[in-house]
Amino acid sequence: MDRSNGSGIRYHIKNICLIGYMGSGKTTVGRLVAGKLAMELKDTDELITMKEGRSISDIFSNDGEAYFRELENRLLNELAKEGKLKDTVLSTGGGLPVDVRNRPLLKRIGTVIYLKASAASLNERVGDDTGRPLLDADDRLSRIEDMLKIRGPIYEECADHIIETDSLSIEETVTEVVRIVTSWQDKSKSS
């Protein structure tokens, strides 16, 4: 898929990167988008757990968040290598874009789409999931709100497109991602 960067220069989009906070639907939406567009889905958290042979919770408790963030950066550097990914939807961990080194790598990989949701929606979606070490707090909603104050502007800065998901179903969110990606393709065909 080709698109213009505003300067008349067209370049090829091969991949989609989904970013957003924990519970924003990146993996679920990514799986459905990949199916609709005949693309492959890769999830950075899953790739790290497979490579490490242990859960994210284990990595955090045994080696700390800094080590996990380093693993994310190494993985993203590998995925950003020329020709490494093709026709892929990449679902990222919620903290991956926070590392400033990762932002240009995401842009190199593909179109970055932020699945944006309110703290209340995210808290409801995450439910009682205990596999999220950063949400291990007495007042989880306050924890999410505090993290979104920091991460929200980063997600927005990094994104090529933002989809507000609070009032959208999963299917509607998938439709919007597909619309965004195919609108670039349609524009490139007509230019």
Protein backbone atom coordinates (compact mmCIF):
# COMPACT_ATOMS: atom_id res chain seq x y z
CA MET A 1 0.00 0.00 0.00
CA ASP A 2 1.40 3.40 -0.98
CA ARG A 3 0.81 6.71 0.74
CA SER A 4 2.08 10.25 0.49
CA ASN A 5 3.84 12.01 3.33
CA GLY A 6 2.41 15.37 2.24
CA SER A 7 5.41 16.29 0.12
CA GLY A 8 4.27 14.32 -2.89
CA ILE A 9 6.71 11.52 -2.14
CA ARG A 10 4.93 8.19 -2.02
CA TYR A 11 6.09 5.29 0.05
CA HIS A 12 4.90 1.78 0.62
CA ILE A 13 2.97 0.69 3.74
CA LYS A 14 3.52 -2.95 4.49
CA ASN A 15 2.59 -3.05 8.14
CA ILE A 16 0.29 -1.65 10.82
CA CYS A 17 1.47 -0.98 14.40
CA LEU A 18 -1.24 -0.85 17.06
CA ILE A 19 -0.37 1.10 20.20
CA GLY A 20 -2.33 1.97 23.32
CA TYR A 21 -2.71 1.28 26.99
CA MET A 22 -3.26 -2.18 28.48
CA GLY A 23 -6.78 -3.33 27.70
CA SER A 24 -7.24 -1.03 24.71
CA GLY A 25 -7.84 -4.04 22.45
CA LYS A 26 -4.59 -4.09 20.48
CA THR A 27 -4.30 -7.87 20.27
CA THR A 28 -8.00 -8.58 19.72
CA VAL A 29 -8.37 -5.83 17.11
CA GLY A 30 -5.02 -6.80 15.56
CA ARG A 31 -6.10 -10.42 15.13
CA LEU A 32 -9.34 -9.41 13.41
CA VAL A 33 -7.70 -6.76 11.21
CA ALA A 34 -5.02 -9.25 10.18
CA GLY A 35 -7.74 -11.71 9.21
CA LYS A 36 -9.70 -9.17 7.17
CA LEU A 37 -6.63 -7.86 5.33
CA ALA A 38 -4.88 -11.23 4.91
CA MET A 39 -1.98 -10.05 7.04
CA GLU A 40 0.03 -11.76 9.77
CA LEU A 41 -0.41 -10.78 13.43
CA LYS A 42 2.60 -10.43 15.71
CA ASP A 43 2.30 -9.42 19.36
CA THR A 44 5.42 -7.99 21.02
CA ASP A 45 4.47 -9.32 24.45
CA GLU A 46 3.93 -12.82 23.05
CA LEU A 47 7.20 -12.70 21.11
CA ILE A 48 9.10 -11.70 24.26
CA THR A 49 7.49 -14.40 26.42
CA MET A 50 8.27 -17.03 23.78
CA LYS A 51 11.87 -15.87 23.47
CA GLU A 52 12.38 -15.66 27.26
CA GLY A 53 10.44 -18.85 28.03
CA ARG A 54 8.55 -17.14 30.85
CA SER A 55 5.64 -14.80 31.48
CA ILE A 56 5.82 -11.02 31.57
CA SER A 57 4.92 -11.17 35.27
CA ASP A 58 7.93 -13.44 35.87
CA ILE A 59 10.21 -11.11 33.90
CA PHE A 60 9.00 -8.10 35.91
CA SER A 61 9.27 -9.82 39.30
CA ASN A 62 12.68 -11.44 38.66
CA ASP A 63 14.45 -8.85 36.50
CA GLY A 64 12.40 -5.65 36.78
CA GLU A 65 10.69 -3.30 34.38
CA ALA A 66 13.93 -1.82 33.01
CA TYR A 67 15.03 -5.25 31.81
CA PHE A 68 11.64 -5.85 30.17
CA ARG A 69 11.83 -2.46 28.41
CA GLU A 70 15.28 -3.39 27.10
CA LEU A 71 13.84 -6.65 25.75
CA GLU A 72 11.12 -4.64 23.98
CA ASN A 73 13.68 -2.34 22.40
CA ARG A 74 15.87 -5.22 21.22
CA LEU A 75 12.84 -6.96 19.71
CA LEU A 76 11.64 -3.80 17.97
CA ASN A 77 15.12 -3.17 16.54
CA GLU A 78 15.08 -6.69 15.12
CA LEU A 79 11.57 -6.29 13.67
CA ALA A 80 12.43 -2.90 12.14
CA LYS A 81 15.23 -4.36 10.01
CA GLU A 82 14.56 -3.96 6.30
CA GLY A 83 12.41 -6.76 4.97
CA LYS A 84 11.93 -8.42 8.37
CA LEU A 85 8.17 -7.75 8.48
CA LYS A 86 5.84 -7.73 5.53
CA ASP A 87 2.06 -7.42 5.57
CA THR A 88 2.03 -7.61 9.36
CA VAL A 89 -0.19 -6.17 12.07
CA LEU A 90 2.05 -5.57 15.08
CA SER A 91 0.31 -5.40 18.45
CA THR A 92 2.61 -3.70 20.95
CA GLY A 93 2.91 -3.75 24.70
CA GLY A 94 1.33 -0.74 26.39
CA GLY A 95 4.64 0.73 27.55
CA LEU A 96 6.63 0.12 24.37
CA PRO A 97 6.15 3.64 22.88
CA VAL A 98 7.21 5.26 26.17
CA ASP A 99 10.84 4.41 25.39
CA VAL A 100 11.90 7.24 23.09
CA ARG A 101 14.15 4.84 21.16
CA ASN A 102 11.12 2.83 20.06
CA ARG A 103 9.10 5.63 18.46
CA PRO A 104 11.14 5.98 15.24
CA LEU A 105 11.32 2.19 15.03
CA LEU A 106 7.52 1.94 15.07
CA LYS A 107 7.34 4.55 12.29
CA ARG A 108 9.91 2.60 10.28
CA ILE A 109 7.88 -0.59 10.67
CA GLY A 110 4.56 0.85 9.47
CA THR A 111 1.51 2.99 10.07
CA VAL A 112 1.05 3.61 13.80
CA ILE A 113 -2.55 3.56 15.05
CA TYR A 114 -3.38 4.51 18.65
CA LEU A 115 -6.41 2.74 20.11
CA LYS A 116 -7.42 5.39 22.63
CA ALA A 117 -9.73 4.70 25.57
CA SER A 118 -10.59 6.42 28.84
CA ALA A 119 -9.21 5.22 32.16
CA ALA A 120 -12.68 4.03 33.20
CA SER A 121 -13.10 1.96 30.02
CA LEU A 122 -9.62 0.49 30.37
CA ASN A 123 -10.20 -0.41 34.01
CA GLU A 124 -13.42 -2.19 33.07
CA ARG A 125 -11.81 -4.02 30.14
CA VAL A 126 -8.83 -5.25 32.16
CA GLY A 127 -11.19 -6.65 34.83
CA ASP A 128 -9.52 -9.00 37.29
CA ASP A 129 -6.56 -9.83 35.03
CA THR A 130 -3.63 -10.53 37.36
CA GLY A 131 -1.08 -10.87 34.54
CA ARG A 132 -0.47 -7.13 34.39
CA PRO A 133 2.24 -6.30 36.92
CA LEU A 134 2.03 -2.53 36.46
CA LEU A 135 -1.62 -2.61 37.57
CA ASP A 136 -0.90 -4.35 40.86
CA ALA A 137 -2.28 -1.52 43.01
CA ASP A 138 -4.96 -0.99 45.65
CA ASP A 139 -6.69 1.65 43.52
CA ARG A 140 -6.24 0.39 39.99
CA LEU A 141 -8.37 3.13 38.39
CA SER A 142 -6.16 5.83 39.92
CA ARG A 143 -3.09 3.94 38.74
CA ILE A 144 -4.44 3.83 35.18
CA GLU A 145 -5.34 7.54 35.30
CA ASP A 146 -1.84 8.44 36.52
CA MET A 147 -0.17 6.32 33.83
CA LEU A 148 -2.42 7.74 31.09
CA LYS A 149 -1.38 11.28 32.04
CA ILE A 150 2.15 10.29 31.10
CA ARG A 151 1.52 7.81 28.31
CA GLY A 152 -1.45 9.47 26.58
CA PRO A 153 0.54 12.37 25.08
CA ILE A 154 3.30 9.94 24.04
CA TYR A 155 0.81 7.68 22.27
CA GLU A 156 -0.70 10.69 20.50
CA GLU A 157 2.69 12.02 19.41
CA CYS A 158 3.71 8.63 18.07
CA ALA A 159 0.48 7.87 16.22
CA ASP A 160 -0.27 8.45 12.57
CA HIS A 161 -3.96 7.91 13.41
CA ILE A 162 -5.98 7.92 16.63
CA ILE A 163 -9.15 5.89 17.06
CA GLU A 164 -11.31 6.78 20.08
CA THR A 165 -12.64 3.38 21.14
CA ASP A 166 -14.81 4.14 24.18
CA SER A 167 -18.05 4.16 22.22
CA LEU A 168 -16.96 1.60 19.60
CA SER A 169 -17.42 -2.15 19.66
CA ILE A 170 -14.48 -4.36 18.73
CA GLU A 171 -16.04 -4.85 15.28
CA GLU A 172 -16.45 -1.08 14.79
CA THR A 173 -12.85 -0.51 15.82
CA VAL A 174 -11.68 -3.16 13.34
CA THR A 175 -13.76 -1.52 10.62
CA GLU A 176 -12.16 1.85 11.38
CA VAL A 177 -8.61 0.43 11.24
CA VAL A 178 -9.40 -1.26 7.92
CA ARG A 179 -10.96 1.99 6.61
CA ILE A 180 -7.84 3.98 7.53
CA VAL A 181 -5.47 1.51 5.90
CA THR A 182 -7.53 1.00 2.75
CA SER A 183 -8.14 4.76 2.35
CA TRP A 184 -4.36 5.22 2.02
CA GLN A 185 -4.29 2.45 -0.53
CA ASP A 186 -7.19 3.96 -2.50
CA LYS A 187 -5.57 7.44 -2.49
CA SER A 188 -2.30 6.04 -3.80
CA LYS A 189 -4.05 4.21 -6.63
CA SER A 190 -5.81 7.37 -7.77
CA SER A 191 -2.70 9.59 -7.71
